[in-house]
């Protein structure tokens, strides 16, 4: 896969050329990613739909790999400090479950205290 920050030499379009739908469409079809220039300054990047989908997939894979590595590091720390402990990766759903259980337990204690 070509690095996302690498563009073929012709994969550029000026701001004035962006106004031409035909020029924009042809260049996006040919290169999928275009550097947008104003004079000598790059002011932005245009992506076609396929390039955008590829970028989104790439970022999701990076995030998943970062999460996996973080979980592995935490698992190692826990194993070193508490050899018999069990590691359970966190998630929003699990956090909601924990807080819901805690709220119910607190409410039971509060209700029992009134009696």
C-alpha atoms as a PDB file:
ATOM      1  CA  UNK A   1       0.000   0.000   0.000  1.00  0.00           C
ATOM      2  CA  UNK A   2       1.289   3.476  -0.880  1.00  0.00           C
ATOM      3  CA  UNK A   3       1.866   5.680   2.164  1.00  0.00           C
ATOM      4  CA  UNK A   4      -0.951   8.200   2.552  1.00  0.00           C
ATOM      5  CA  UNK A   5       1.424  11.157   2.526  1.00  0.00           C
ATOM      6  CA  UNK A   6       2.951  10.199  -0.852  1.00  0.00           C
ATOM      7  CA  UNK A   7       1.402  11.658  -3.992  1.00  0.00           C
ATOM      8  CA  UNK A   8       2.387  11.210  -7.632  1.00  0.00           C
ATOM      9  CA  UNK A   9       3.895  14.395  -9.063  1.00  0.00           C
ATOM     10  CA  UNK A  10       0.804  15.118 -11.164  1.00  0.00           C
ATOM     11  CA  UNK A  11      -1.645  14.538  -8.315  1.00  0.00           C
ATOM     12  CA  UNK A  12      -2.194  18.220  -7.683  1.00  0.00           C
ATOM     13  CA  UNK A  13      -4.900  20.683  -8.476  1.00  0.00           C
ATOM     14  CA  UNK A  14      -4.986  24.438  -8.016  1.00  0.00           C
ATOM     15  CA  UNK A  15      -7.822  26.155  -6.208  1.00  0.00           C
ATOM     16  CA  UNK A  16      -8.912  27.746  -9.469  1.00  0.00           C
ATOM     17  CA  UNK A  17      -8.969  24.314 -11.183  1.00  0.00           C
ATOM     18  CA  UNK A  18     -11.209  22.915  -8.427  1.00  0.00           C
ATOM     19  CA  UNK A  19     -13.980  25.081  -9.880  1.00  0.00           C
ATOM     20  CA  UNK A  20     -13.958  22.940 -13.024  1.00  0.00           C
ATOM     21  CA  UNK A  21     -16.003  19.850 -12.255  1.00  0.00           C
ATOM     22  CA  UNK A  22     -14.551  18.039 -15.269  1.00  0.00           C
ATOM     23  CA  UNK A  23     -10.919  18.744 -14.276  1.00  0.00           C
ATOM     24  CA  UNK A  24     -11.566  17.776 -10.661  1.00  0.00           C
ATOM     25  CA  UNK A  25     -13.379  14.567 -11.615  1.00  0.00           C
ATOM     26  CA  UNK A  26     -10.709  13.527 -14.125  1.00  0.00           C
ATOM     27  CA  UNK A  27      -7.849  14.066 -11.686  1.00  0.00           C
ATOM     28  CA  UNK A  28      -9.607  12.328  -8.800  1.00  0.00           C
ATOM     29  CA  UNK A  29     -10.395   9.406 -11.095  1.00  0.00           C
ATOM     30  CA  UNK A  30      -6.747   9.221 -12.186  1.00  0.00           C
ATOM     31  CA  UNK A  31      -5.027   9.754  -8.805  1.00  0.00           C
ATOM     32  CA  UNK A  32      -7.710   9.210  -6.068  1.00  0.00           C
ATOM     33  CA  UNK A  33      -5.962  11.805  -3.851  1.00  0.00           C
ATOM     34  CA  UNK A  34      -5.053  15.350  -4.807  1.00  0.00           C
ATOM     35  CA  UNK A  35      -3.020  18.031  -3.112  1.00  0.00           C
ATOM     36  CA  UNK A  36      -4.873  21.335  -3.437  1.00  0.00           C
ATOM     37  CA  UNK A  37      -2.525  24.262  -3.974  1.00  0.00           C
ATOM     38  CA  UNK A  38      -2.873  28.008  -3.810  1.00  0.00           C
ATOM     39  CA  UNK A  39       0.208  29.320  -5.548  1.00  0.00           C
ATOM     40  CA  UNK A  40       3.036  27.327  -3.919  1.00  0.00           C
ATOM     41  CA  UNK A  41       1.200  26.446  -0.684  1.00  0.00           C
ATOM     42  CA  UNK A  42      -0.679  23.190  -0.127  1.00  0.00           C
ATOM     43  CA  UNK A  43      -4.015  24.240   1.385  1.00  0.00           C
ATOM     44  CA  UNK A  44      -5.727  20.879   1.547  1.00  0.00           C
ATOM     45  CA  UNK A  45      -6.177  17.349   0.292  1.00  0.00           C
ATOM     46  CA  UNK A  46      -9.086  15.945  -1.705  1.00  0.00           C
ATOM     47  CA  UNK A  47      -9.879  12.232  -1.592  1.00  0.00           C
ATOM     48  CA  UNK A  48     -12.216  10.210  -3.732  1.00  0.00           C
ATOM     49  CA  UNK A  49     -14.613   7.818  -2.010  1.00  0.00           C
ATOM     50  CA  UNK A  50     -12.357   4.751  -2.378  1.00  0.00           C
ATOM     51  CA  UNK A  51      -9.322   6.588  -0.962  1.00  0.00           C
ATOM     52  CA  UNK A  52     -11.459   7.819   1.943  1.00  0.00           C
ATOM     53  CA  UNK A  53     -12.711   4.292   2.678  1.00  0.00           C
ATOM     54  CA  UNK A  54      -9.125   2.998   2.512  1.00  0.00           C
ATOM     55  CA  UNK A  55      -8.000   5.687   4.970  1.00  0.00           C
ATOM     56  CA  UNK A  56     -10.865   4.935   7.379  1.00  0.00           C
ATOM     57  CA  UNK A  57     -10.063   1.197   7.266  1.00  0.00           C
ATOM     58  CA  UNK A  58      -6.381   1.922   7.861  1.00  0.00           C
ATOM     59  CA  UNK A  59      -7.126   4.135  10.876  1.00  0.00           C
ATOM     60  CA  UNK A  60      -9.494   1.505  12.349  1.00  0.00           C
ATOM     61  CA  UNK A  61      -6.766  -1.138  12.010  1.00  0.00           C
ATOM     62  CA  UNK A  62      -4.246   1.164  13.711  1.00  0.00           C
ATOM     63  CA  UNK A  63      -6.665   1.875  16.556  1.00  0.00           C
ATOM     64  CA  UNK A  64      -7.374  -1.841  17.013  1.00  0.00           C
ATOM     65  CA  UNK A  65      -3.639  -2.596  17.069  1.00  0.00           C
ATOM     66  CA  UNK A  66      -3.041   0.179  19.617  1.00  0.00           C
ATOM     67  CA  UNK A  67      -5.859  -1.209  21.805  1.00  0.00           C
ATOM     68  CA  UNK A  68      -4.436  -4.742  21.530  1.00  0.00           C
ATOM     69  CA  UNK A  69      -0.948  -3.572  22.500  1.00  0.00           C
ATOM     70  CA  UNK A  70      -2.325  -1.560  25.409  1.00  0.00           C
ATOM     71  CA  UNK A  71      -4.306  -4.572  26.649  1.00  0.00           C
ATOM     72  CA  UNK A  72      -1.191  -6.752  26.339  1.00  0.00           C
ATOM     73  CA  UNK A  73       0.861  -4.249  28.356  1.00  0.00           C
ATOM     74  CA  UNK A  74      -1.813  -4.036  31.071  1.00  0.00           C
ATOM     75  CA  UNK A  75      -2.127  -7.830  31.118  1.00  0.00           C
ATOM     76  CA  UNK A  76       1.667  -8.137  31.686  1.00  0.00           C
ATOM     77  CA  UNK A  77       1.615  -5.583  34.512  1.00  0.00           C
ATOM     78  CA  UNK A  78      -1.308  -7.309  36.223  1.00  0.00           C
ATOM     79  CA  UNK A  79       0.311 -10.734  35.843  1.00  0.00           C
ATOM     80  CA  UNK A  80       3.553  -9.453  37.368  1.00  0.00           C
ATOM     81  CA  UNK A  81       1.822  -7.823  40.333  1.00  0.00           C
ATOM     82  CA  UNK A  82      -1.055 -10.256  40.874  1.00  0.00           C
ATOM     83  CA  UNK A  83      -0.221 -13.626  39.270  1.00  0.00           C
ATOM     84  CA  UNK A  84      -3.653 -15.127  39.983  1.00  0.00           C
ATOM     85  CA  UNK A  85      -5.699 -12.106  38.869  1.00  0.00           C
ATOM     86  CA  UNK A  86      -7.785 -12.266  35.746  1.00  0.00           C
ATOM     87  CA  UNK A  87      -7.583  -9.487  33.168  1.00  0.00           C
ATOM     88  CA  UNK A  88     -10.817  -8.354  31.550  1.00  0.00           C
ATOM     89  CA  UNK A  89     -10.483  -5.736  28.800  1.00  0.00           C
ATOM     90  CA  UNK A  90     -12.634  -2.699  29.417  1.00  0.00           C
ATOM     91  CA  UNK A  91     -15.542  -1.624  27.289  1.00  0.00           C
ATOM     92  CA  UNK A  92     -18.317   0.906  27.522  1.00  0.00           C
ATOM     93  CA  UNK A  93     -20.872  -1.873  27.974  1.00  0.00           C
ATOM     94  CA  UNK A  94     -18.905  -3.405  30.861  1.00  0.00           C
ATOM     95  CA  UNK A  95     -18.506   0.002  32.525  1.00  0.00           C
ATOM     96  CA  UNK A  96     -22.271   0.564  32.288  1.00  0.00           C
ATOM     97  CA  UNK A  97     -22.873  -2.877  33.830  1.00  0.00           C
ATOM     98  CA  UNK A  98     -20.490  -2.115  36.715  1.00  0.00           C
ATOM     99  CA  UNK A  99     -22.060   1.285  37.430  1.00  0.00           C
ATOM    100  CA  UNK A 100     -25.567  -0.171  37.193  1.00  0.00           C
ATOM    101  CA  UNK A 101     -24.652  -2.929  39.676  1.00  0.00           C
ATOM    102  CA  UNK A 102     -23.060  -0.362  41.991  1.00  0.00           C
ATOM    103  CA  UNK A 103     -26.136   1.893  41.805  1.00  0.00           C
ATOM    104  CA  UNK A 104     -28.415  -1.042  42.683  1.00  0.00           C
ATOM    105  CA  UNK A 105     -26.189  -2.069  45.602  1.00  0.00           C
ATOM    106  CA  UNK A 106     -26.093   1.518  46.872  1.00  0.00           C
ATOM    107  CA  UNK A 107     -29.870   1.812  46.583  1.00  0.00           C
ATOM    108  CA  UNK A 108     -30.304  -1.472  48.543  1.00  0.00           C
ATOM    109  CA  UNK A 109     -27.994  -0.203  51.295  1.00  0.00           C
ATOM    110  CA  UNK A 110     -29.808   3.117  51.404  1.00  0.00           C
ATOM    111  CA  UNK A 111     -33.220   1.410  51.567  1.00  0.00           C
ATOM    112  CA  UNK A 112     -32.068  -1.026  54.272  1.00  0.00           C
ATOM    113  CA  UNK A 113     -30.700   1.896  56.285  1.00  0.00           C
ATOM    114  CA  UNK A 114     -34.143   3.541  56.426  1.00  0.00           C
ATOM    115  CA  UNK A 115     -35.805   0.488  57.907  1.00  0.00           C
END
